[in-house]
Amino acid sequence: MKKEDFFGYVADGYNPIIRPRSEELLKEVIGKYKPKRVLEIGTYIGYSARIMLECDENLSVVTVEKNENNVENARLNLKIFGQRVQIVCADAIDFLTNLCQKNFNSEQSFDMVFLDGPKGQYVKYLPYLKKILKAGGVLIADDVLFYGLVNTNQKIEHKHRTIAKNLRLFLDNIQNDSDFETKIYDFEDGVSVSVKKQTSF
């Protein structure tokens, strides 16, 4: 299915949809790790959720989106998957906070997280995502280099400065976390893939 066929897609407009090489990487990670339960932060109109659901008929997705109009469009775009997809209309930090506070147990954990919501919030999400991700699970974060601004030494416009700073902090935290093995892919807007290590006994 083409992106242009999705409800809510704006031709020649701004569409925060996963880019081609990042899409291929997402498919490769799913093929390698074969997750069964996936959490997506940032649904938009459901394009990346559909990609994941089409990769494996045994895979299910919980996807979180704050914008009500996007949620309605995503429901139309993903209705063919029935109970395999759950679309939650909520702020991601509220969703994660509530999930972790309600007597969280292993049955609520996820095999994979695809992080593609507000870039400046990634670092705030990280402690919660680490808690809900199974050992051996994968955290994929899209757009972590943010138009090349994360690695630049040049002065950044004020409107992008906080986002770039927070993404640097996110990457620093996850790359220096001994519980994760992380690789940064320096193409398009950058993708990080972090595998949560199996617990040693």
Protein backbone atom coordinates (compact mmCIF):
# COMPACT_ATOMS: atom_id res chain seq x y z
CA MET A 1 0.00 0.00 0.00
CA LYS A 2 1.36 3.42 -0.97
CA LYS A 3 1.68 6.22 1.57
CA GLU A 4 -0.61 8.32 -0.62
CA ASP A 5 -3.41 5.78 -0.08
CA PHE A 6 -3.52 6.35 3.68
CA PHE A 7 -6.34 8.35 5.24
CA GLY A 8 -4.87 11.62 6.51
CA TYR A 9 -1.91 11.71 4.13
CA VAL A 10 -1.42 15.24 2.76
CA ALA A 11 -0.03 15.36 -0.75
CA ASP A 12 2.90 17.80 -0.96
CA GLY A 13 2.41 18.56 2.72
CA TYR A 14 4.23 17.75 5.94
CA ASN A 15 3.95 14.05 6.69
CA PRO A 16 6.10 12.71 9.56
CA ILE A 17 6.31 9.23 8.06
CA ILE A 18 9.27 6.88 8.35
CA ARG A 19 11.76 7.30 5.49
CA PRO A 20 12.63 4.49 3.03
CA ARG A 21 15.98 3.31 4.44
CA SER A 22 14.71 3.56 8.00
CA GLU A 23 11.66 1.55 6.95
CA GLU A 24 13.90 -1.20 5.55
CA LEU A 25 15.91 -1.23 8.78
CA LEU A 26 12.69 -1.58 10.81
CA LYS A 27 11.69 -4.59 8.69
CA GLU A 28 15.16 -6.12 9.09
CA VAL A 29 15.05 -5.77 12.88
CA ILE A 30 11.62 -7.41 13.02
CA GLY A 31 12.85 -10.21 10.79
CA LYS A 32 15.89 -10.78 12.99
CA TYR A 33 14.36 -10.53 16.48
CA LYS A 34 10.80 -11.66 15.65
CA PRO A 35 8.97 -9.60 18.31
CA LYS A 36 5.43 -10.61 19.14
CA ARG A 37 4.30 -7.60 21.19
CA VAL A 38 5.37 -4.13 20.05
CA LEU A 39 4.84 -0.68 21.54
CA GLU A 40 4.90 2.28 19.18
CA ILE A 41 5.16 5.85 20.46
CA GLY A 42 3.85 8.19 17.77
CA THR A 43 1.19 6.66 15.53
CA TYR A 44 0.53 9.56 13.16
CA ILE A 45 -1.76 7.96 10.53
CA GLY A 46 -0.66 4.37 11.14
CA TYR A 47 1.87 3.89 8.34
CA SER A 48 4.72 2.42 10.40
CA ALA A 49 2.29 0.35 12.49
CA ARG A 50 0.98 -1.18 9.29
CA ILE A 51 4.52 -1.98 8.16
CA MET A 52 5.18 -3.85 11.40
CA LEU A 53 1.86 -5.70 11.37
CA GLU A 54 2.44 -6.83 7.79
CA CYS A 55 5.90 -8.20 8.64
CA ASP A 56 4.57 -10.99 10.85
CA GLU A 57 1.00 -12.22 11.26
CA ASN A 58 1.79 -13.19 14.87
CA LEU A 59 2.87 -9.66 15.78
CA SER A 60 0.59 -7.25 17.66
CA VAL A 61 1.04 -3.51 18.19
CA VAL A 62 0.01 -1.07 20.90
CA THR A 63 0.44 2.39 19.41
CA VAL A 64 0.14 5.69 21.30
CA GLU A 65 -0.85 8.99 19.70
CA LYS A 66 -1.94 12.26 21.32
CA ASN A 67 -3.57 13.92 18.31
CA GLU A 68 -7.23 12.86 18.08
CA ASN A 69 -7.48 13.49 14.33
CA ASN A 70 -4.44 11.30 13.71
CA VAL A 71 -5.98 8.59 15.89
CA GLU A 72 -9.17 8.57 13.82
CA ASN A 73 -7.19 8.34 10.58
CA ALA A 74 -5.03 5.57 12.00
CA ARG A 75 -8.12 3.60 13.00
CA LEU A 76 -9.31 3.72 9.40
CA ASN A 77 -5.91 2.73 8.06
CA LEU A 78 -5.43 -0.15 10.51
CA LYS A 79 -8.95 -1.53 10.89
CA ILE A 80 -8.14 -4.59 8.75
CA PHE A 81 -5.83 -5.85 11.52
CA GLY A 82 -8.62 -6.08 14.09
CA GLN A 83 -7.50 -7.00 17.59
CA ARG A 84 -3.85 -7.23 16.55
CA VAL A 85 -3.59 -3.47 16.95
CA GLN A 86 -4.60 -1.26 19.88
CA ILE A 87 -4.60 2.50 19.26
CA VAL A 88 -4.34 4.56 22.44
CA CYS A 89 -5.21 8.27 22.35
CA ALA A 90 -3.00 9.68 25.10
CA ASP A 91 0.12 11.66 25.83
CA ALA A 92 2.97 9.16 25.76
CA ILE A 93 4.48 10.17 29.10
CA ASP A 94 1.08 9.77 30.78
CA PHE A 95 0.59 6.37 29.15
CA LEU A 96 4.05 5.18 30.23
CA THR A 97 3.71 6.55 33.75
CA ASN A 98 0.35 4.85 34.25
CA LEU A 99 1.61 1.58 32.78
CA CYS A 100 4.59 1.47 35.12
CA GLN A 101 2.58 2.39 38.22
CA LYS A 102 -0.27 -0.14 37.89
CA ASN A 103 1.43 -3.16 39.46
CA PHE A 104 3.47 -3.67 36.31
CA ASN A 105 4.24 -7.30 35.55
CA SER A 106 6.00 -9.31 32.87
CA GLU A 107 2.76 -9.96 30.95
CA GLN A 108 2.57 -6.23 30.20
CA SER A 109 6.11 -6.02 28.86
CA PHE A 110 7.06 -5.63 25.20
CA ASP A 111 9.45 -7.43 22.87
CA MET A 112 10.11 -4.26 20.89
CA VAL A 113 9.54 -0.51 21.12
CA PHE A 114 9.44 1.75 18.08
CA LEU A 115 10.00 5.31 19.28
CA ASP A 116 8.86 7.93 16.78
CA GLY A 117 7.04 10.54 18.84
CA PRO A 118 8.19 14.01 20.00
CA LYS A 119 11.98 13.98 19.64
CA GLY A 120 12.64 16.25 22.58
CA GLN A 121 10.86 13.79 24.89
CA TYR A 122 12.89 10.67 24.05
CA VAL A 123 15.17 11.12 27.04
CA LYS A 124 12.16 11.39 29.39
CA TYR A 125 10.65 8.21 27.97
CA LEU A 126 13.82 6.15 28.27
CA PRO A 127 13.59 5.01 31.93
CA TYR A 128 10.02 3.83 31.38
CA LEU A 129 10.84 2.11 28.10
CA LYS A 130 13.72 0.29 29.72
CA LYS A 131 11.41 -0.99 32.44
CA ILE A 132 8.71 -2.29 30.07
CA LEU A 133 11.11 -3.82 27.54
CA LYS A 134 11.83 -7.51 27.95
CA ALA A 135 15.38 -8.79 28.29
CA GLY A 136 16.54 -9.44 24.75
CA GLY A 137 14.03 -6.87 23.49
CA VAL A 138 14.79 -4.08 21.03
CA LEU A 139 14.31 -0.32 21.24
CA ILE A 140 14.35 1.47 17.87
CA ALA A 141 14.37 5.27 17.95
CA ASP A 142 13.80 7.18 14.72
CA ASP A 143 15.16 10.63 13.77
CA VAL A 144 17.78 10.64 16.53
CA LEU A 145 20.17 12.86 14.52
CA PHE A 146 17.42 15.41 13.80
CA TYR A 147 18.39 16.97 10.45
CA GLY A 148 22.08 16.62 11.34
CA LEU A 149 21.72 19.08 14.22
CA VAL A 150 22.61 16.55 16.94
CA ASN A 151 26.18 16.13 15.68
CA THR A 152 26.83 19.67 14.44
CA ASN A 153 29.22 22.12 16.06
CA GLN A 154 27.45 25.05 14.43
CA LYS A 155 25.02 27.32 16.20
CA ILE A 156 21.50 25.86 16.22
CA GLU A 157 18.35 27.93 15.80
CA HIS A 158 16.59 28.58 19.08
CA LYS A 159 13.46 26.60 18.06
CA HIS A 160 15.55 23.45 17.54
CA ARG A 161 18.13 23.91 20.30
CA THR A 162 16.28 22.09 23.10
CA ILE A 163 15.34 19.16 20.86
CA ALA A 164 18.94 18.71 19.71
CA LYS A 165 20.20 18.97 23.30
CA ASN A 166 17.69 16.40 24.57
CA LEU A 167 18.46 13.99 21.72
CA ARG A 168 22.17 14.22 22.53
CA LEU A 169 21.32 13.38 26.12
CA PHE A 170 19.12 10.47 25.02
CA LEU A 171 21.90 9.02 22.85
CA ASP A 172 24.49 9.57 25.56
CA ASN A 173 22.30 7.83 28.15
CA ILE A 174 21.45 4.83 26.05
CA GLN A 175 24.94 4.34 24.64
CA ASN A 176 26.44 4.46 28.12
CA ASP A 177 23.82 2.21 29.70
CA SER A 178 25.48 -1.15 30.37
CA ASP A 179 22.11 -2.89 30.02
CA PHE A 180 21.89 -1.97 26.33
CA GLU A 181 23.93 -2.65 23.22
CA THR A 182 23.32 0.26 20.87
CA LYS A 183 24.15 1.01 17.24
CA ILE A 184 23.51 4.34 15.53
CA TYR A 185 22.69 4.29 11.84
CA ASP A 186 23.83 7.55 10.25
CA PHE A 187 21.45 7.76 7.31
CA GLU A 188 18.39 9.90 6.63
CA ASP A 189 17.60 11.48 10.03
CA GLY A 190 19.40 8.79 12.01
CA VAL A 191 18.11 5.66 13.73
CA SER A 192 19.32 4.04 16.93
CA VAL A 193 18.81 0.33 17.58
CA SER A 194 19.34 -0.78 21.17
CA VAL A 195 19.10 -4.39 22.37
CA LYS A 196 18.40 -4.91 26.06
CA LYS A 197 20.86 -7.48 27.34
CA GLN A 198 19.72 -10.74 28.86
CA THR A 199 20.01 -10.73 32.66
CA SER A 200 23.01 -12.64 33.95
CA PHE A 201 22.62 -14.91 36.96
